[in-house]
Amino acid sequence: MDLRERNLLQIEEIEKHKWIESEKAGHDLGEAARIDWIVKYAAKWSEEHPVETDKLPTDESLKADNGVSTTIP
C-alpha cells in the first residue's frame, strides 16, 4: 500500500467514525468527531498500517514532477 492509498484508507476510517458517532448523537458532530478519532484511534491505527518507506517519493522524483527541489540547503 503506498502513502496515498494509506491516507485514503485513514480518511475513510475517520469518516466512518464521524458517521457512527453522529448517528448516536442524533446530529452531525462534524470536526469534533474527526478530532475524537484522532485522539482515540490514530496512534493504534498508524501502528497497524505502517508507511511503506520504499514507496515514498524521493527528492529526485519530486524534482521531476514539479521542477522544485525539496532539499534544504
PDB file of N, CA and C in Angstrom:
ATOM      1  N   MET A   1       0.855  -1.171   0.000  1.00  0.00           N
ATOM      2  CA  MET A   1       0.000   0.000   0.000  1.00  0.00           C
ATOM      3  C   MET A   1       0.904   1.237   0.000  1.00  0.00           C
ATOM      4  N   ASP A   2       0.692   2.124  -0.965  1.00  0.00           N
ATOM      5  CA  ASP A   2       1.505   3.339  -0.989  1.00  0.00           C
ATOM      6  C   ASP A   2       0.899   4.389  -0.052  1.00  0.00           C
ATOM      7  N   LEU A   3       1.582   5.504   0.086  1.00  0.00           N
ATOM      8  CA  LEU A   3       1.179   6.534   1.038  1.00  0.00           C
ATOM      9  C   LEU A   3      -0.201   7.103   0.704  1.00  0.00           C
ATOM     10  N   ARG A   4      -0.472   7.302  -0.576  1.00  0.00           N
ATOM     11  CA  ARG A   4      -1.776   7.842  -0.984  1.00  0.00           C
ATOM     12  C   ARG A   4      -2.896   6.882  -0.587  1.00  0.00           C
ATOM     13  N   GLU A   5      -2.720   5.598  -0.866  1.00  0.00           N
ATOM     14  CA  GLU A   5      -3.728   4.595  -0.508  1.00  0.00           C
ATOM     15  C   GLU A   5      -3.930   4.544   1.003  1.00  0.00           C
ATOM     16  N   ARG A   6      -2.840   4.645   1.741  1.00  0.00           N
ATOM     17  CA  ARG A   6      -2.913   4.619   3.210  1.00  0.00           C
ATOM     18  C   ARG A   6      -3.694   5.823   3.727  1.00  0.00           C
ATOM     19  N   ASN A   7      -3.418   7.006   3.161  1.00  0.00           N
ATOM     20  CA  ASN A   7      -4.116   8.217   3.586  1.00  0.00           C
ATOM     21  C   ASN A   7      -5.603   8.141   3.273  1.00  0.00           C
ATOM     22  N   LEU A   8      -5.939   7.615   2.095  1.00  0.00           N
ATOM     23  CA  LEU A   8      -7.352   7.466   1.743  1.00  0.00           C
ATOM     24  C   LEU A   8      -8.057   6.496   2.680  1.00  0.00           C
ATOM     25  N   LEU A   9      -7.380   5.424   3.041  1.00  0.00           N
ATOM     26  CA  LEU A   9      -7.945   4.454   3.976  1.00  0.00           C
ATOM     27  C   LEU A   9      -8.173   5.094   5.351  1.00  0.00           C
ATOM     28  N   GLN A  10      -7.222   5.902   5.785  1.00  0.00           N
ATOM     29  CA  GLN A  10      -7.358   6.576   7.077  1.00  0.00           C
ATOM     30  C   GLN A  10      -8.521   7.570   7.048  1.00  0.00           C
ATOM     31  N   ILE A  11      -8.658   8.321   5.973  1.00  0.00           N
ATOM     32  CA  ILE A  11      -9.768   9.266   5.844  1.00  0.00           C
ATOM     33  C   ILE A  11     -11.093   8.515   5.884  1.00  0.00           C
ATOM     34  N   GLU A  12     -11.155   7.373   5.212  1.00  0.00           N
ATOM     35  CA  GLU A  12     -12.369   6.555   5.218  1.00  0.00           C
ATOM     36  C   GLU A  12     -12.722   6.120   6.644  1.00  0.00           C
ATOM     37  N   GLU A  13     -11.721   5.706   7.408  1.00  0.00           N
ATOM     38  CA  GLU A  13     -11.960   5.294   8.799  1.00  0.00           C
ATOM     39  C   GLU A  13     -12.449   6.467   9.646  1.00  0.00           C
ATOM     40  N   ILE A  14     -11.861   7.623   9.451  1.00  0.00           N
ATOM     41  CA  ILE A  14     -12.270   8.815  10.210  1.00  0.00           C
ATOM     42  C   ILE A  14     -13.712   9.179   9.877  1.00  0.00           C
ATOM     43  N   GLU A  15     -14.049   9.148   8.596  1.00  0.00           N
ATOM     44  CA  GLU A  15     -15.411   9.500   8.182  1.00  0.00           C
ATOM     45  C   GLU A  15     -16.428   8.469   8.674  1.00  0.00           C
ATOM     46  N   LYS A  16     -16.039   7.204   8.724  1.00  0.00           N
ATOM     47  CA  LYS A  16     -16.917   6.156   9.269  1.00  0.00           C
ATOM     48  C   LYS A  16     -17.209   6.446  10.748  1.00  0.00           C
ATOM     49  N   HIS A  17     -16.148   6.788  11.482  1.00  0.00           N
ATOM     50  CA  HIS A  17     -16.291   7.106  12.901  1.00  0.00           C
ATOM     51  C   HIS A  17     -17.213   8.317  13.074  1.00  0.00           C
ATOM     52  N   LYS A  18     -17.017   9.334  12.252  1.00  0.00           N
ATOM     53  CA  LYS A  18     -17.853  10.530  12.312  1.00  0.00           C
ATOM     54  C   LYS A  18     -19.317  10.173  12.076  1.00  0.00           C
ATOM     55  N   TRP A  19     -19.578   9.329  11.093  1.00  0.00           N
ATOM     56  CA  TRP A  19     -20.955   8.940  10.789  1.00  0.00           C
ATOM     57  C   TRP A  19     -21.574   8.177  11.958  1.00  0.00           C
ATOM     58  N   ILE A  20     -20.851   7.196  12.483  1.00  0.00           N
ATOM     59  CA  ILE A  20     -21.375   6.381  13.597  1.00  0.00           C
ATOM     60  C   ILE A  20     -21.660   7.241  14.816  1.00  0.00           C
ATOM     61  N   GLU A  21     -20.708   8.071  15.183  1.00  0.00           N
ATOM     62  CA  GLU A  21     -20.888   8.906  16.376  1.00  0.00           C
ATOM     63  C   GLU A  21     -21.994   9.951  16.167  1.00  0.00           C
ATOM     64  N   SER A  22     -22.112  10.480  14.963  1.00  0.00           N
ATOM     65  CA  SER A  22     -23.177  11.440  14.661  1.00  0.00           C
ATOM     66  C   SER A  22     -24.544  10.773  14.736  1.00  0.00           C
ATOM     67  N   GLU A  23     -24.640   9.536  14.234  1.00  0.00           N
ATOM     68  CA  GLU A  23     -25.895   8.788  14.321  1.00  0.00           C
ATOM     69  C   GLU A  23     -26.285   8.568  15.783  1.00  0.00           C
ATOM     70  N   LYS A  24     -25.314   8.214  16.606  1.00  0.00           N
ATOM     71  CA  LYS A  24     -25.590   8.014  18.041  1.00  0.00           C
ATOM     72  C   LYS A  24     -26.095   9.303  18.691  1.00  0.00           C
ATOM     73  N   ALA A  25     -25.475  10.421  18.295  1.00  0.00           N
ATOM     74  CA  ALA A  25     -25.826  11.710  18.900  1.00  0.00           C
ATOM     75  C   ALA A  25     -27.112  12.304  18.319  1.00  0.00           C
ATOM     76  N   GLY A  26     -27.498  11.831  17.142  1.00  0.00           N
ATOM     77  CA  GLY A  26     -28.714  12.358  16.532  1.00  0.00           C
ATOM     78  C   GLY A  26     -28.502  13.622  15.720  1.00  0.00           C
ATOM     79  N   HIS A  27     -27.245  14.009  15.555  1.00  0.00           N
ATOM     80  CA  HIS A  27     -26.930  15.171  14.715  1.00  0.00           C
ATOM     81  C   HIS A  27     -25.461  15.083  14.273  1.00  0.00           C
ATOM     82  N   ASP A  28     -25.116  15.857  13.267  1.00  0.00           N
ATOM     83  CA  ASP A  28     -23.761  15.827  12.716  1.00  0.00           C
ATOM     84  C   ASP A  28     -22.766  16.424  13.715  1.00  0.00           C
ATOM     85  N   LEU A  29     -21.807  15.623  14.106  1.00  0.00           N
ATOM     86  CA  LEU A  29     -20.793  16.089  15.059  1.00  0.00           C
ATOM     87  C   LEU A  29     -19.623  16.797  14.368  1.00  0.00           C
ATOM     88  N   GLY A  30     -19.527  16.635  13.060  1.00  0.00           N
ATOM     89  CA  GLY A  30     -18.525  17.351  12.284  1.00  0.00           C
ATOM     90  C   GLY A  30     -17.095  17.136  12.746  1.00  0.00           C
ATOM     91  N   GLU A  31     -16.379  18.238  12.831  1.00  0.00           N
ATOM     92  CA  GLU A  31     -14.956  18.205  13.153  1.00  0.00           C
ATOM     93  C   GLU A  31     -14.674  17.585  14.521  1.00  0.00           C
ATOM     94  N   ALA A  32     -15.594  17.733  15.449  1.00  0.00           N
ATOM     95  CA  ALA A  32     -15.399  17.162  16.789  1.00  0.00           C
ATOM     96  C   ALA A  32     -15.243  15.641  16.715  1.00  0.00           C
ATOM     97  N   ALA A  33     -16.003  14.987  15.850  1.00  0.00           N
ATOM     98  CA  ALA A  33     -15.897  13.533  15.702  1.00  0.00           C
ATOM     99  C   ALA A  33     -14.577  13.147  15.049  1.00  0.00           C
ATOM    100  N   ARG A  34     -14.105  13.959  14.117  1.00  0.00           N
ATOM    101  CA  ARG A  34     -12.813  13.683  13.487  1.00  0.00           C
ATOM    102  C   ARG A  34     -11.687  13.790  14.506  1.00  0.00           C
ATOM    103  N   ILE A  35     -11.739  14.826  15.313  1.00  0.00           N
ATOM    104  CA  ILE A  35     -10.726  15.006  16.352  1.00  0.00           C
ATOM    105  C   ILE A  35     -10.802  13.868  17.364  1.00  0.00           C
ATOM    106  N   ASP A  36     -12.013  13.447  17.700  1.00  0.00           N
ATOM    107  CA  ASP A  36     -12.214  12.318  18.613  1.00  0.00           C
ATOM    108  C   ASP A  36     -11.510  11.072  18.081  1.00  0.00           C
ATOM    109  N   TRP A  37     -11.644  10.792  16.778  1.00  0.00           N
ATOM    110  CA  TRP A  37     -10.983   9.627  16.174  1.00  0.00           C
ATOM    111  C   TRP A  37      -9.464   9.760  16.284  1.00  0.00           C
ATOM    112  N   ILE A  38      -8.966  10.943  15.995  1.00  0.00           N
ATOM    113  CA  ILE A  38      -7.520  11.158  16.057  1.00  0.00           C
ATOM    114  C   ILE A  38      -7.002  10.903  17.472  1.00  0.00           C
ATOM    115  N   VAL A  39      -7.680  11.473  18.454  1.00  0.00           N
ATOM    116  CA  VAL A  39      -7.260  11.319  19.849  1.00  0.00           C
ATOM    117  C   VAL A  39      -7.340   9.854  20.293  1.00  0.00           C
ATOM    118  N   LYS A  40      -8.430   9.183  19.946  1.00  0.00           N
ATOM    119  CA  LYS A  40      -8.664   7.821  20.443  1.00  0.00           C
ATOM    120  C   LYS A  40      -7.982   6.727  19.623  1.00  0.00           C
ATOM    121  N   TYR A  41      -7.913   6.899  18.298  1.00  0.00           N
ATOM    122  CA  TYR A  41      -7.542   5.762  17.455  1.00  0.00           C
ATOM    123  C   TYR A  41      -6.350   5.965  16.520  1.00  0.00           C
ATOM    124  N   ALA A  42      -5.911   7.180  16.299  1.00  0.00           N
ATOM    125  CA  ALA A  42      -4.879   7.430  15.280  1.00  0.00           C
ATOM    126  C   ALA A  42      -3.570   6.697  15.559  1.00  0.00           C
ATOM    127  N   ALA A  43      -3.109   6.707  16.784  1.00  0.00           N
ATOM    128  CA  ALA A  43      -1.822   6.073  17.097  1.00  0.00           C
ATOM    129  C   ALA A  43      -1.879   4.572  16.838  1.00  0.00           C
ATOM    130  N   LYS A  44      -2.925   3.918  17.322  1.00  0.00           N
ATOM    131  CA  LYS A  44      -3.074   2.480  17.116  1.00  0.00           C
ATOM    132  C   LYS A  44      -3.235   2.159  15.634  1.00  0.00           C
ATOM    133  N   TRP A  45      -4.038   2.963  14.936  1.00  0.00           N
ATOM    134  CA  TRP A  45      -4.257   2.742  13.506  1.00  0.00           C
ATOM    135  C   TRP A  45      -2.936   2.862  12.742  1.00  0.00           C
ATOM    136  N   SER A  46      -2.140   3.857  13.097  1.00  0.00           N
ATOM    137  CA  SER A  46      -0.852   4.056  12.428  1.00  0.00           C
ATOM    138  C   SER A  46       0.095   2.887  12.677  1.00  0.00           C
ATOM    139  N   GLU A  47       0.059   2.328  13.862  1.00  0.00           N
ATOM    140  CA  GLU A  47       0.877   1.145  14.157  1.00  0.00           C
ATOM    141  C   GLU A  47       0.456  -0.037  13.291  1.00  0.00           C
ATOM    142  N   GLU A  48      -0.838  -0.174  13.088  1.00  0.00           N
ATOM    143  CA  GLU A  48      -1.368  -1.284  12.306  1.00  0.00           C
ATOM    144  C   GLU A  48      -1.250  -1.080  10.797  1.00  0.00           C
ATOM    145  N   HIS A  49      -0.987   0.152  10.377  1.00  0.00           N
ATOM    146  CA  HIS A  49      -0.873   0.492   8.956  1.00  0.00           C
ATOM    147  C   HIS A  49       0.402   1.314   8.735  1.00  0.00           C
ATOM    148  N   PRO A  50       1.566   0.693   8.901  1.00  0.00           N
ATOM    149  CA  PRO A  50       2.814   1.452   8.773  1.00  0.00           C
ATOM    150  C   PRO A  50       3.030   1.961   7.334  1.00  0.00           C
ATOM    151  N   VAL A  51       3.739   3.054   7.235  1.00  0.00           N
ATOM    152  CA  VAL A  51       4.088   3.615   5.927  1.00  0.00           C
ATOM    153  C   VAL A  51       5.168   2.736   5.311  1.00  0.00           C
ATOM    154  N   GLU A  52       4.965   2.357   4.068  1.00  0.00           N
ATOM    155  CA  GLU A  52       5.972   1.585   3.353  1.00  0.00           C
ATOM    156  C   GLU A  52       6.975   2.571   2.771  1.00  0.00           C
ATOM    157  N   THR A  53       8.108   2.715   3.457  1.00  0.00           N
ATOM    158  CA  THR A  53       9.072   3.752   3.089  1.00  0.00           C
ATOM    159  C   THR A  53       9.659   3.551   1.702  1.00  0.00           C
ATOM    160  N   ASP A  54       9.653   2.333   1.183  1.00  0.00           N
ATOM    161  CA  ASP A  54      10.178   2.120  -0.162  1.00  0.00           C
ATOM    162  C   ASP A  54       9.243   2.688  -1.230  1.00  0.00           C
ATOM    163  N   LYS A  55       8.023   3.080  -0.831  1.00  0.00           N
ATOM    164  CA  LYS A  55       7.074   3.636  -1.788  1.00  0.00           C
ATOM    165  C   LYS A  55       6.909   5.151  -1.642  1.00  0.00           C
ATOM    166  N   LEU A  56       7.673   5.760  -0.740  1.00  0.00           N
ATOM    167  CA  LEU A  56       7.619   7.207  -0.589  1.00  0.00           C
ATOM    168  C   LEU A  56       8.355   7.866  -1.748  1.00  0.00           C
ATOM    169  N   PRO A  57       7.896   9.052  -2.163  1.00  0.00           N
ATOM    170  CA  PRO A  57       8.594   9.736  -3.246  1.00  0.00           C
ATOM    171  C   PRO A  57       9.995  10.165  -2.805  1.00  0.00           C
ATOM    172  N   THR A  58      10.909  10.124  -3.734  1.00  0.00           N
ATOM    173  CA  THR A  58      12.271  10.562  -3.454  1.00  0.00           C
ATOM    174  C   THR A  58      12.428  12.017  -3.862  1.00  0.00           C
ATOM    175  N   ASP A  59      13.499  12.633  -3.425  1.00  0.00           N
ATOM    176  CA  ASP A  59      13.785  14.007  -3.819  1.00  0.00           C
ATOM    177  C   ASP A  59      13.855  14.117  -5.340  1.00  0.00           C
ATOM    178  N   GLU A  60      14.486  13.157  -5.965  1.00  0.00           N
ATOM    179  CA  GLU A  60      14.630  13.193  -7.425  1.00  0.00           C
ATOM    180  C   GLU A  60      13.278  13.055  -8.128  1.00  0.00           C
ATOM    181  N   SER A  61      12.411  12.188  -7.631  1.00  0.00           N
ATOM    182  CA  SER A  61      11.107  12.040  -8.282  1.00  0.00           C
ATOM    183  C   SER A  61      10.256  13.291  -8.099  1.00  0.00           C
ATOM    184  N   LEU A  62      10.399  13.962  -6.966  1.00  0.00           N
ATOM    185  CA  LEU A  62       9.665  15.200  -6.748  1.00  0.00           C
ATOM    186  C   LEU A  62      10.164  16.296  -7.685  1.00  0.00           C
ATOM    187  N   LYS A  63      11.468  16.366  -7.883  1.00  0.00           N
ATOM    188  CA  LYS A  63      12.026  17.350  -8.817  1.00  0.00           C
ATOM    189  C   LYS A  63      11.491  17.103 -10.220  1.00  0.00           C
ATOM    190  N   ALA A  64      11.440  15.862 -10.619  1.00  0.00           N
ATOM    191  CA  ALA A  64      10.964  15.515 -11.956  1.00  0.00           C
ATOM    192  C   ALA A  64       9.492  15.891 -12.116  1.00  0.00           C
ATOM    193  N   ASP A  65       8.717  15.793 -11.033  1.00  0.00           N
ATOM    194  CA  ASP A  65       7.295  16.103 -11.091  1.00  0.00           C
ATOM    195  C   ASP A  65       7.015  17.598 -11.214  1.00  0.00           C
ATOM    196  N   ASN A  66       7.770  18.412 -10.468  1.00  0.00           N
ATOM    197  CA  ASN A  66       7.423  19.830 -10.459  1.00  0.00           C
ATOM    198  C   ASN A  66       8.605  20.779 -10.625  1.00  0.00           C
ATOM    199  N   GLY A  67       9.770  20.242 -10.803  1.00  0.00           N
ATOM    200  CA  GLY A  67      10.937  21.095 -11.018  1.00  0.00           C
ATOM    201  C   GLY A  67      11.426  21.800  -9.771  1.00  0.00           C
ATOM    202  N   VAL A  68      10.874  21.488  -8.610  1.00  0.00           N
ATOM    203  CA  VAL A  68      11.262  22.146  -7.369  1.00  0.00           C
ATOM    204  C   VAL A  68      12.000  21.154  -6.493  1.00  0.00           C
ATOM    205  N   SER A  69      13.132  21.578  -5.975  1.00  0.00           N
ATOM    206  CA  SER A  69      13.898  20.717  -5.085  1.00  0.00           C
ATOM    207  C   SER A  69      13.337  20.812  -3.678  1.00  0.00           C
ATOM    208  N   THR A  70      13.320  19.674  -2.999  1.00  0.00           N
ATOM    209  CA  THR A  70      12.854  19.670  -1.601  1.00  0.00           C
ATOM    210  C   THR A  70      14.026  19.594  -0.626  1.00  0.00           C
ATOM    211  N   THR A  71      15.231  19.654  -1.148  1.00  0.00           N
ATOM    212  CA  THR A  71      16.419  19.582  -0.310  1.00  0.00           C
ATOM    213  C   THR A  71      16.618  20.915   0.398  1.00  0.00           C
ATOM    214  N   ILE A  72      16.861  20.845   1.686  1.00  0.00           N
ATOM    215  CA  ILE A  72      17.113  22.046   2.476  1.00  0.00           C
ATOM    216  C   ILE A  72      18.603  22.327   2.431  1.00  0.00           C
ATOM    217  N   PRO A  73      18.985  23.536   2.000  1.00  0.00           N
ATOM    218  CA  PRO A  73      20.431  23.865   1.899  1.00  0.00           C
ATOM    219  C   PRO A  73      21.101  23.911   3.242  1.00  0.00           C
TER     220      PRO A  73
END
